[in-house]
Amino acid sequence: MKTIEVKDEQLLLDIALQYYGTAEAIGEIVAGNPGLCNEPSAVVAAGRELGPFYPDIKLKVGLAVRIDDESRLMKKTVVKKIETDITTYMEAKWQEQYSR
């Protein structure tokens, strides 16, 4: 088990892809981290209610997230190592373009 720190603009999906190699790990991450929370400003900007956790809104920066290094979901085969943090959070201009 290791602990990582959430970077700016990271979603739960980003963490799953970066550390497990698969989106299937989202459920395991949520189960192993009951204190997951979103960036409050992102929740408000999305027009949602503060309080619940939303997996599709960026995580709170600096949040500690436990990753299970020995999970059966961990993809061991590496085609190409990604050297940078993965972020898929969409800026407002892209959100507007996709909502049209």
PDB file of N, CA and C in Angstrom:
ATOM      1  N   MET A   1       0.855  -1.174   0.000  1.00  0.00           N
ATOM      2  CA  MET A   1       0.000   0.000   0.000  1.00  0.00           C
ATOM      3  C   MET A   1       0.899   1.235   0.000  1.00  0.00           C
ATOM      4  N   LYS A   2       0.564   2.191  -0.858  1.00  0.00           N
ATOM      5  CA  LYS A   2       1.288   3.455  -0.847  1.00  0.00           C
ATOM      6  C   LYS A   2       0.281   4.589  -0.879  1.00  0.00           C
ATOM      7  N   THR A   3       0.740   5.773  -0.502  1.00  0.00           N
ATOM      8  CA  THR A   3      -0.119   6.945  -0.481  1.00  0.00           C
ATOM      9  C   THR A   3       0.412   7.961  -1.477  1.00  0.00           C
ATOM     10  N   ILE A   4      -0.488   8.489  -2.283  1.00  0.00           N
ATOM     11  CA  ILE A   4      -0.109   9.515  -3.253  1.00  0.00           C
ATOM     12  C   ILE A   4      -0.851  10.803  -2.894  1.00  0.00           C
ATOM     13  N   GLU A   5      -0.377  11.903  -3.434  1.00  0.00           N
ATOM     14  CA  GLU A   5      -1.019  13.193  -3.200  1.00  0.00           C
ATOM     15  C   GLU A   5      -1.681  13.661  -4.497  1.00  0.00           C
ATOM     16  N   VAL A   6      -2.931  14.078  -4.395  1.00  0.00           N
ATOM     17  CA  VAL A   6      -3.680  14.539  -5.560  1.00  0.00           C
ATOM     18  C   VAL A   6      -3.073  15.843  -6.071  1.00  0.00           C
ATOM     19  N   LYS A   7      -2.860  15.888  -7.368  1.00  0.00           N
ATOM     20  CA  LYS A   7      -2.342  17.082  -8.038  1.00  0.00           C
ATOM     21  C   LYS A   7      -3.516  17.908  -8.559  1.00  0.00           C
ATOM     22  N   ASP A   8      -3.227  19.151  -8.926  1.00  0.00           N
ATOM     23  CA  ASP A   8      -4.259  20.041  -9.443  1.00  0.00           C
ATOM     24  C   ASP A   8      -4.887  19.458 -10.714  1.00  0.00           C
ATOM     25  N   GLU A   9      -6.187  19.572 -10.817  1.00  0.00           N
ATOM     26  CA  GLU A   9      -6.967  19.148 -11.984  1.00  0.00           C
ATOM     27  C   GLU A   9      -7.157  17.636 -12.105  1.00  0.00           C
ATOM     28  N   GLN A  10      -6.832  16.827 -11.100  1.00  0.00           N
ATOM     29  CA  GLN A  10      -6.985  15.381 -11.223  1.00  0.00           C
ATOM     30  C   GLN A  10      -8.369  14.912 -10.808  1.00  0.00           C
ATOM     31  N   LEU A  11      -8.904  14.020 -11.611  1.00  0.00           N
ATOM     32  CA  LEU A  11     -10.165  13.340 -11.331  1.00  0.00           C
ATOM     33  C   LEU A  11      -9.855  11.959 -10.755  1.00  0.00           C
ATOM     34  N   LEU A  12     -10.862  11.301 -10.242  1.00  0.00           N
ATOM     35  CA  LEU A  12     -10.707   9.932  -9.762  1.00  0.00           C
ATOM     36  C   LEU A  12     -10.245   9.021 -10.897  1.00  0.00           C
ATOM     37  N   LEU A  13     -10.770   9.239 -12.088  1.00  0.00           N
ATOM     38  CA  LEU A  13     -10.371   8.466 -13.263  1.00  0.00           C
ATOM     39  C   LEU A  13      -8.871   8.618 -13.535  1.00  0.00           C
ATOM     40  N   ASP A  14      -8.357   9.821 -13.400  1.00  0.00           N
ATOM     41  CA  ASP A  14      -6.930  10.065 -13.636  1.00  0.00           C
ATOM     42  C   ASP A  14      -6.059   9.229 -12.703  1.00  0.00           C
ATOM     43  N   ILE A  15      -6.441   9.187 -11.432  1.00  0.00           N
ATOM     44  CA  ILE A  15      -5.687   8.414 -10.434  1.00  0.00           C
ATOM     45  C   ILE A  15      -5.724   6.931 -10.798  1.00  0.00           C
ATOM     46  N   ALA A  16      -6.921   6.443 -11.151  1.00  0.00           N
ATOM     47  CA  ALA A  16      -7.060   5.033 -11.515  1.00  0.00           C
ATOM     48  C   ALA A  16      -6.186   4.683 -12.716  1.00  0.00           C
ATOM     49  N   LEU A  17      -6.203   5.522 -13.730  1.00  0.00           N
ATOM     50  CA  LEU A  17      -5.401   5.251 -14.926  1.00  0.00           C
ATOM     51  C   LEU A  17      -3.908   5.361 -14.658  1.00  0.00           C
ATOM     52  N   GLN A  18      -3.512   6.378 -13.916  1.00  0.00           N
ATOM     53  CA  GLN A  18      -2.088   6.598 -13.675  1.00  0.00           C
ATOM     54  C   GLN A  18      -1.463   5.525 -12.792  1.00  0.00           C
ATOM     55  N   TYR A  19      -2.160   5.089 -11.757  1.00  0.00           N
ATOM     56  CA  TYR A  19      -1.546   4.177 -10.797  1.00  0.00           C
ATOM     57  C   TYR A  19      -1.951   2.710 -10.961  1.00  0.00           C
ATOM     58  N   TYR A  20      -3.111   2.460 -11.562  1.00  0.00           N
ATOM     59  CA  TYR A  20      -3.551   1.081 -11.756  1.00  0.00           C
ATOM     60  C   TYR A  20      -3.503   0.663 -13.225  1.00  0.00           C
ATOM     61  N   GLY A  21      -3.608   1.642 -14.108  1.00  0.00           N
ATOM     62  CA  GLY A  21      -3.605   1.334 -15.529  1.00  0.00           C
ATOM     63  C   GLY A  21      -4.964   0.974 -16.080  1.00  0.00           C
ATOM     64  N   THR A  22      -6.014   1.146 -15.284  1.00  0.00           N
ATOM     65  CA  THR A  22      -7.363   0.797 -15.727  1.00  0.00           C
ATOM     66  C   THR A  22      -8.416   1.596 -14.962  1.00  0.00           C
ATOM     67  N   ALA A  23      -9.502   1.927 -15.651  1.00  0.00           N
ATOM     68  CA  ALA A  23     -10.611   2.634 -15.017  1.00  0.00           C
ATOM     69  C   ALA A  23     -11.374   1.720 -14.055  1.00  0.00           C
ATOM     70  N   GLU A  24     -11.210   0.422 -14.208  1.00  0.00           N
ATOM     71  CA  GLU A  24     -11.888  -0.539 -13.325  1.00  0.00           C
ATOM     72  C   GLU A  24     -11.500  -0.359 -11.860  1.00  0.00           C
ATOM     73  N   ALA A  25     -10.382   0.293 -11.593  1.00  0.00           N
ATOM     74  CA  ALA A  25      -9.889   0.466 -10.229  1.00  0.00           C
ATOM     75  C   ALA A  25     -10.622   1.567  -9.466  1.00  0.00           C
ATOM     76  N   ILE A  26     -11.487   2.311 -10.123  1.00  0.00           N
ATOM     77  CA  ILE A  26     -12.187   3.406  -9.459  1.00  0.00           C
ATOM     78  C   ILE A  26     -12.928   2.922  -8.213  1.00  0.00           C
ATOM     79  N   GLY A  27     -13.660   1.831  -8.336  1.00  0.00           N
ATOM     80  CA  GLY A  27     -14.402   1.294  -7.188  1.00  0.00           C
ATOM     81  C   GLY A  27     -13.496   0.920  -6.037  1.00  0.00           C
ATOM     82  N   GLU A  28     -12.355   0.334  -6.347  1.00  0.00           N
ATOM     83  CA  GLU A  28     -11.402  -0.056  -5.306  1.00  0.00           C
ATOM     84  C   GLU A  28     -10.803   1.178  -4.618  1.00  0.00           C
ATOM     85  N   ILE A  29     -10.525   2.215  -5.384  1.00  0.00           N
ATOM     86  CA  ILE A  29      -9.980   3.439  -4.803  1.00  0.00           C
ATOM     87  C   ILE A  29     -11.007   4.075  -3.863  1.00  0.00           C
ATOM     88  N   VAL A  30     -12.260   4.136  -4.305  1.00  0.00           N
ATOM     89  CA  VAL A  30     -13.322   4.709  -3.467  1.00  0.00           C
ATOM     90  C   VAL A  30     -13.482   3.893  -2.180  1.00  0.00           C
ATOM     91  N   ALA A  31     -13.487   2.579  -2.301  1.00  0.00           N
ATOM     92  CA  ALA A  31     -13.660   1.718  -1.124  1.00  0.00           C
ATOM     93  C   ALA A  31     -12.495   1.869  -0.138  1.00  0.00           C
ATOM     94  N   GLY A  32     -11.292   2.058  -0.650  1.00  0.00           N
ATOM     95  CA  GLY A  32     -10.119   2.169   0.212  1.00  0.00           C
ATOM     96  C   GLY A  32      -9.840   3.567   0.727  1.00  0.00           C
ATOM     97  N   ASN A  33     -10.626   4.536   0.277  1.00  0.00           N
ATOM     98  CA  ASN A  33     -10.419   5.933   0.665  1.00  0.00           C
ATOM     99  C   ASN A  33     -11.753   6.599   0.990  1.00  0.00           C
ATOM    100  N   PRO A  34     -12.326   6.285   2.165  1.00  0.00           N
ATOM    101  CA  PRO A  34     -13.638   6.833   2.500  1.00  0.00           C
ATOM    102  C   PRO A  34     -13.664   8.358   2.643  1.00  0.00           C
ATOM    103  N   GLY A  35     -12.510   8.992   2.766  1.00  0.00           N
ATOM    104  CA  GLY A  35     -12.466  10.442   2.926  1.00  0.00           C
ATOM    105  C   GLY A  35     -12.279  11.220   1.636  1.00  0.00           C
ATOM    106  N   LEU A  36     -12.514  10.585   0.487  1.00  0.00           N
ATOM    107  CA  LEU A  36     -12.358  11.296  -0.779  1.00  0.00           C
ATOM    108  C   LEU A  36     -13.293  12.505  -0.826  1.00  0.00           C
ATOM    109  N   CYS A  37     -12.761  13.618  -1.330  1.00  0.00           N
ATOM    110  CA  CYS A  37     -13.603  14.812  -1.470  1.00  0.00           C
ATOM    111  C   CYS A  37     -13.175  15.610  -2.687  1.00  0.00           C
ATOM    112  N   ASN A  38     -14.120  16.360  -3.188  1.00  0.00           N
ATOM    113  CA  ASN A  38     -13.887  17.171  -4.372  1.00  0.00           C
ATOM    114  C   ASN A  38     -13.391  18.558  -3.987  1.00  0.00           C
ATOM    115  N   GLU A  39     -12.816  19.233  -4.971  1.00  0.00           N
ATOM    116  CA  GLU A  39     -12.437  20.639  -4.816  1.00  0.00           C
ATOM    117  C   GLU A  39     -13.744  21.422  -4.737  1.00  0.00           C
ATOM    118  N   PRO A  40     -14.033  22.111  -3.598  1.00  0.00           N
ATOM    119  CA  PRO A  40     -15.317  22.800  -3.439  1.00  0.00           C
ATOM    120  C   PRO A  40     -15.649  23.779  -4.572  1.00  0.00           C
ATOM    121  N   SER A  41     -14.661  24.520  -5.041  1.00  0.00           N
ATOM    122  CA  SER A  41     -14.928  25.492  -6.110  1.00  0.00           C
ATOM    123  C   SER A  41     -15.370  24.795  -7.402  1.00  0.00           C
ATOM    124  N   ALA A  42     -14.858  23.594  -7.655  1.00  0.00           N
ATOM    125  CA  ALA A  42     -15.244  22.841  -8.852  1.00  0.00           C
ATOM    126  C   ALA A  42     -16.672  22.313  -8.720  1.00  0.00           C
ATOM    127  N   VAL A  43     -17.068  21.941  -7.512  1.00  0.00           N
ATOM    128  CA  VAL A  43     -18.438  21.466  -7.272  1.00  0.00           C
ATOM    129  C   VAL A  43     -19.426  22.608  -7.519  1.00  0.00           C
ATOM    130  N   VAL A  44     -19.108  23.778  -6.975  1.00  0.00           N
ATOM    131  CA  VAL A  44     -19.973  24.953  -7.146  1.00  0.00           C
ATOM    132  C   VAL A  44     -20.035  25.343  -8.624  1.00  0.00           C
ATOM    133  N   ALA A  45     -18.869  25.345  -9.284  1.00  0.00           N
ATOM    134  CA  ALA A  45     -18.829  25.708 -10.700  1.00  0.00           C
ATOM    135  C   ALA A  45     -19.644  24.744 -11.558  1.00  0.00           C
ATOM    136  N   ALA A  46     -19.747  23.490 -11.136  1.00  0.00           N
ATOM    137  CA  ALA A  46     -20.529  22.494 -11.876  1.00  0.00           C
ATOM    138  C   ALA A  46     -22.019  22.590 -11.557  1.00  0.00           C
ATOM    139  N   GLY A  47     -22.378  23.481 -10.620  1.00  0.00           N
ATOM    140  CA  GLY A  47     -23.780  23.659 -10.266  1.00  0.00           C
ATOM    141  C   GLY A  47     -24.337  22.546  -9.405  1.00  0.00           C
ATOM    142  N   ARG A  48     -23.461  21.887  -8.675  1.00  0.00           N
ATOM    143  CA  ARG A  48     -23.905  20.777  -7.829  1.00  0.00           C
ATOM    144  C   ARG A  48     -23.865  21.164  -6.365  1.00  0.00           C
ATOM    145  N   GLU A  49     -24.488  20.339  -5.551  1.00  0.00           N
ATOM    146  CA  GLU A  49     -24.596  20.568  -4.119  1.00  0.00           C
ATOM    147  C   GLU A  49     -23.303  20.169  -3.409  1.00  0.00           C
ATOM    148  N   LEU A  50     -22.826  21.025  -2.516  1.00  0.00           N
ATOM    149  CA  LEU A  50     -21.639  20.689  -1.724  1.00  0.00           C
ATOM    150  C   LEU A  50     -22.000  19.579  -0.742  1.00  0.00           C
ATOM    151  N   GLY A  51     -21.055  18.709  -0.453  1.00  0.00           N
ATOM    152  CA  GLY A  51     -21.283  17.639   0.515  1.00  0.00           C
ATOM    153  C   GLY A  51     -20.991  16.268  -0.043  1.00  0.00           C
ATOM    154  N   PRO A  52     -21.796  15.779  -1.002  1.00  0.00           N
ATOM    155  CA  PRO A  52     -21.523  14.440  -1.534  1.00  0.00           C
ATOM    156  C   PRO A  52     -20.241  14.417  -2.368  1.00  0.00           C
ATOM    157  N   PHE A  53     -19.706  13.220  -2.569  1.00  0.00           N
ATOM    158  CA  PHE A  53     -18.530  13.063  -3.422  1.00  0.00           C
ATOM    159  C   PHE A  53     -18.997  12.775  -4.837  1.00  0.00           C
ATOM    160  N   TYR A  54     -18.428  13.498  -5.805  1.00  0.00           N
ATOM    161  CA  TYR A  54     -18.758  13.320  -7.216  1.00  0.00           C
ATOM    162  C   TYR A  54     -17.519  12.789  -7.940  1.00  0.00           C
ATOM    163  N   PRO A  55     -17.561  11.589  -8.486  1.00  0.00           N
ATOM    164  CA  PRO A  55     -16.375  11.026  -9.148  1.00  0.00           C
ATOM    165  C   PRO A  55     -15.982  11.742 -10.433  1.00  0.00           C
ATOM    166  N   ASP A  56     -16.909  12.517 -11.011  1.00  0.00           N
ATOM    167  CA  ASP A  56     -16.612  13.205 -12.269  1.00  0.00           C
ATOM    168  C   ASP A  56     -16.180  14.665 -12.087  1.00  0.00           C
ATOM    169  N   ILE A  57     -15.954  15.080 -10.847  1.00  0.00           N
ATOM    170  CA  ILE A  57     -15.469  16.433 -10.552  1.00  0.00           C
ATOM    171  C   ILE A  57     -14.097  16.297  -9.908  1.00  0.00           C
ATOM    172  N   LYS A  58     -13.212  17.243 -10.222  1.00  0.00           N
ATOM    173  CA  LYS A  58     -11.831  17.115  -9.766  1.00  0.00           C
ATOM    174  C   LYS A  58     -11.719  16.984  -8.247  1.00  0.00           C
ATOM    175  N   LEU A  59     -10.701  16.249  -7.846  1.00  0.00           N
ATOM    176  CA  LEU A  59     -10.441  15.989  -6.433  1.00  0.00           C
ATOM    177  C   LEU A  59      -9.773  17.196  -5.779  1.00  0.00           C
ATOM    178  N   LYS A  60      -9.870  17.261  -4.457  1.00  0.00           N
ATOM    179  CA  LYS A  60      -9.246  18.338  -3.696  1.00  0.00           C
ATOM    180  C   LYS A  60      -7.729  18.199  -3.789  1.00  0.00           C
ATOM    181  N   VAL A  61      -7.053  19.269  -4.158  1.00  0.00           N
ATOM    182  CA  VAL A  61      -5.598  19.274  -4.306  1.00  0.00           C
ATOM    183  C   VAL A  61      -4.943  18.981  -2.958  1.00  0.00           C
ATOM    184  N   GLY A  62      -3.926  18.119  -2.980  1.00  0.00           N
ATOM    185  CA  GLY A  62      -3.190  17.777  -1.766  1.00  0.00           C
ATOM    186  C   GLY A  62      -3.790  16.640  -0.962  1.00  0.00           C
ATOM    187  N   LEU A  63      -4.950  16.163  -1.372  1.00  0.00           N
ATOM    188  CA  LEU A  63      -5.617  15.062  -0.682  1.00  0.00           C
ATOM    189  C   LEU A  63      -4.748  13.800  -0.759  1.00  0.00           C
ATOM    190  N   ALA A  64      -4.612  13.093   0.339  1.00  0.00           N
ATOM    191  CA  ALA A  64      -3.847  11.841   0.357  1.00  0.00           C
ATOM    192  C   ALA A  64      -4.768  10.692  -0.062  1.00  0.00           C
ATOM    193  N   VAL A  65      -4.331   9.924  -1.047  1.00  0.00           N
ATOM    194  CA  VAL A  65      -5.111   8.795  -1.558  1.00  0.00           C
ATOM    195  C   VAL A  65      -4.269   7.535  -1.458  1.00  0.00           C
ATOM    196  N   ARG A  66      -4.828   6.498  -0.825  1.00  0.00           N
ATOM    197  CA  ARG A  66      -4.121   5.222  -0.699  1.00  0.00           C
ATOM    198  C   ARG A  66      -4.303   4.396  -1.962  1.00  0.00           C
ATOM    199  N   ILE A  67      -3.194   3.840  -2.437  1.00  0.00           N
ATOM    200  CA  ILE A  67      -3.170   2.992  -3.625  1.00  0.00           C
ATOM    201  C   ILE A  67      -2.683   1.617  -3.199  1.00  0.00           C
ATOM    202  N   ASP A  68      -3.397   0.574  -3.587  1.00  0.00           N
ATOM    203  CA  ASP A  68      -3.015  -0.797  -3.255  1.00  0.00           C
ATOM    204  C   ASP A  68      -2.093  -1.352  -4.339  1.00  0.00           C
ATOM    205  N   ASP A  69      -0.796  -1.393  -4.039  1.00  0.00           N
ATOM    206  CA  ASP A  69       0.219  -1.877  -4.989  1.00  0.00           C
ATOM    207  C   ASP A  69       0.025  -3.339  -5.382  1.00  0.00           C
ATOM    208  N   GLU A  70      -0.674  -4.094  -4.557  1.00  0.00           N
ATOM    209  CA  GLU A  70      -0.834  -5.526  -4.799  1.00  0.00           C
ATOM    210  C   GLU A  70      -2.246  -5.892  -5.260  1.00  0.00           C
ATOM    211  N   SER A  71      -2.998  -4.917  -5.681  1.00  0.00           N
ATOM    212  CA  SER A  71      -4.364  -5.144  -6.139  1.00  0.00           C
ATOM    213  C   SER A  71      -4.372  -6.047  -7.370  1.00  0.00           C
ATOM    214  N   ARG A  72      -5.402  -6.883  -7.471  1.00  0.00           N
ATOM    215  CA  ARG A  72      -5.544  -7.724  -8.662  1.00  0.00           C
ATOM    216  C   ARG A  72      -5.892  -6.882  -9.881  1.00  0.00           C
ATOM    217  N   LEU A  73      -6.335  -5.652  -9.655  1.00  0.00           N
ATOM    218  CA  LEU A  73      -6.666  -4.745 -10.755  1.00  0.00           C
ATOM    219  C   LEU A  73      -5.444  -4.018 -11.324  1.00  0.00           C
ATOM    220  N   MET A  74      -4.333  -4.081 -10.617  1.00  0.00           N
ATOM    221  CA  MET A  74      -3.117  -3.402 -11.052  1.00  0.00           C
ATOM    222  C   MET A  74      -2.615  -4.047 -12.335  1.00  0.00           C
ATOM    223  N   LYS A  75      -2.508  -3.263 -13.386  1.00  0.00           N
ATOM    224  CA  LYS A  75      -2.004  -3.760 -14.671  1.00  0.00           C
ATOM    225  C   LYS A  75      -0.481  -3.743 -14.629  1.00  0.00           C
ATOM    226  N   LYS A  76       0.121  -4.912 -14.740  1.00  0.00           N
ATOM    227  CA  LYS A  76       1.576  -5.039 -14.628  1.00  0.00           C
ATOM    228  C   LYS A  76       2.289  -4.848 -15.965  1.00  0.00           C
ATOM    229  N   THR A  77       1.583  -5.070 -17.067  1.00  0.00           N
ATOM    230  CA  THR A  77       2.193  -4.929 -18.381  1.00  0.00           C
ATOM    231  C   THR A  77       2.216  -3.448 -18.760  1.00  0.00           C
ATOM    232  N   VAL A  78       3.387  -2.947 -19.070  1.00  0.00           N
ATOM    233  CA  VAL A  78       3.531  -1.544 -19.426  1.00  0.00           C
ATOM    234  C   VAL A  78       3.956  -1.433 -20.881  1.00  0.00           C
ATOM    235  N   VAL A  79       3.167  -0.751 -21.671  1.00  0.00           N
ATOM    236  CA  VAL A  79       3.508  -0.535 -23.069  1.00  0.00           C
ATOM    237  C   VAL A  79       4.437   0.664 -23.167  1.00  0.00           C
ATOM    238  N   LYS A  80       4.067   1.734 -22.483  1.00  0.00           N
ATOM    239  CA  LYS A  80       4.889   2.934 -22.433  1.00  0.00           C
ATOM    240  C   LYS A  80       4.635   3.610 -21.100  1.00  0.00           C
ATOM    241  N   LYS A  81       5.674   3.938 -20.376  1.00  0.00           N
ATOM    242  CA  LYS A  81       5.528   4.595 -19.084  1.00  0.00           C
ATOM    243  C   LYS A  81       5.170   6.064 -19.295  1.00  0.00           C
ATOM    244  N   ILE A  82       4.162   6.522 -18.582  1.00  0.00           N
ATOM    245  CA  ILE A  82       3.749   7.917 -18.644  1.00  0.00           C
ATOM    246  C   ILE A  82       4.502   8.656 -17.550  1.00  0.00           C
ATOM    247  N   GLU A  83       5.291   9.620 -17.929  1.00  0.00           N
ATOM    248  CA  GLU A  83       6.159  10.335 -16.987  1.00  0.00           C
ATOM    249  C   GLU A  83       5.486  11.537 -16.329  1.00  0.00           C
ATOM    250  N   THR A  84       4.352  11.983 -16.832  1.00  0.00           N
ATOM    251  CA  THR A  84       3.680  13.145 -16.268  1.00  0.00           C
ATOM    252  C   THR A  84       2.387  12.721 -15.589  1.00  0.00           C
ATOM    253  N   ASP A  85       1.851  13.605 -14.757  1.00  0.00           N
ATOM    254  CA  ASP A  85       0.574  13.330 -14.109  1.00  0.00           C
ATOM    255  C   ASP A  85      -0.536  13.355 -15.149  1.00  0.00           C
ATOM    256  N   ILE A  86      -1.513  12.485 -14.971  1.00  0.00           N
ATOM    257  CA  ILE A  86      -2.652  12.434 -15.881  1.00  0.00           C
ATOM    258  C   ILE A  86      -3.745  13.345 -15.329  1.00  0.00           C
ATOM    259  N   THR A  87      -4.245  14.239 -16.169  1.00  0.00           N
ATOM    260  CA  THR A  87      -5.376  15.084 -15.788  1.00  0.00           C
ATOM    261  C   THR A  87      -6.337  15.159 -16.964  1.00  0.00           C
ATOM    262  N   THR A  88      -7.601  14.877 -16.699  1.00  0.00           N
ATOM    263  CA  THR A  88      -8.605  14.949 -17.756  1.00  0.00           C
ATOM    264  C   THR A  88      -9.659  15.993 -17.455  1.00  0.00           C
ATOM    265  N   TYR A  89      -9.469  16.744 -16.393  1.00  0.00           N
ATOM    266  CA  TYR A  89     -10.442  17.761 -16.016  1.00  0.00           C
ATOM    267  C   TYR A  89     -10.551  18.784 -17.135  1.00  0.00           C
ATOM    268  N   MET A  90     -11.777  19.063 -17.557  1.00  0.00           N
ATOM    269  CA  MET A  90     -11.996  19.953 -18.694  1.00  0.00           C
ATOM    270  C   MET A  90     -12.154  21.399 -18.243  1.00  0.00           C
ATOM    271  N   GLU A  91     -11.417  22.283 -18.863  1.00  0.00           N
ATOM    272  CA  GLU A  91     -11.565  23.705 -18.602  1.00  0.00           C
ATOM    273  C   GLU A  91     -12.907  24.178 -19.159  1.00  0.00           C
ATOM    274  N   ALA A  92     -13.366  25.314 -18.712  1.00  0.00           N
ATOM    275  CA  ALA A  92     -14.683  25.841 -19.094  1.00  0.00           C
ATOM    276  C   ALA A  92     -14.847  25.962 -20.601  1.00  0.00           C
ATOM    277  N   LYS A  93     -13.806  26.417 -21.305  1.00  0.00           N
ATOM    278  CA  LYS A  93     -13.956  26.601 -22.755  1.00  0.00           C
ATOM    279  C   LYS A  93     -14.225  25.268 -23.457  1.00  0.00           C
ATOM    280  N   TRP A  94     -13.627  24.193 -22.961  1.00  0.00           N
ATOM    281  CA  TRP A  94     -13.852  22.878 -23.576  1.00  0.00           C
ATOM    282  C   TRP A  94     -15.214  22.344 -23.188  1.00  0.00           C
ATOM    283  N   GLN A  95     -15.643  22.596 -21.958  1.00  0.00           N
ATOM    284  CA  GLN A  95     -16.970  22.153 -21.516  1.00  0.00           C
ATOM    285  C   GLN A  95     -18.043  22.794 -22.378  1.00  0.00           C
ATOM    286  N   GLU A  96     -17.887  24.085 -22.684  1.00  0.00           N
ATOM    287  CA  GLU A  96     -18.859  24.783 -23.521  1.00  0.00           C
ATOM    288  C   GLU A  96     -18.908  24.168 -24.918  1.00  0.00           C
ATOM    289  N   GLN A  97     -17.740  23.833 -25.473  1.00  0.00           N
ATOM    290  CA  GLN A  97     -17.674  23.268 -26.810  1.00  0.00           C
ATOM    291  C   GLN A  97     -18.365  21.907 -26.863  1.00  0.00           C
ATOM    292  N   TYR A  98     -18.162  21.076 -25.837  1.00  0.00           N
ATOM    293  CA  TYR A  98     -18.746  19.742 -25.832  1.00  0.00           C
ATOM    294  C   TYR A  98     -20.231  19.740 -25.515  1.00  0.00           C
ATOM    295  N   SER A  99     -20.734  20.794 -24.875  1.00  0.00           N
ATOM    296  CA  SER A  99     -22.156  20.823 -24.526  1.00  0.00           C
ATOM    297  C   SER A  99     -23.024  21.320 -25.671  1.00  0.00           C
ATOM    298  N   ARG A 100     -22.426  21.765 -26.740  1.00  0.00           N
ATOM    299  CA  ARG A 100     -23.190  22.262 -27.903  1.00  0.00           C
ATOM    300  C   ARG A 100     -23.732  21.138 -28.733  1.00  0.00           C
TER     301      ARG A 100
END
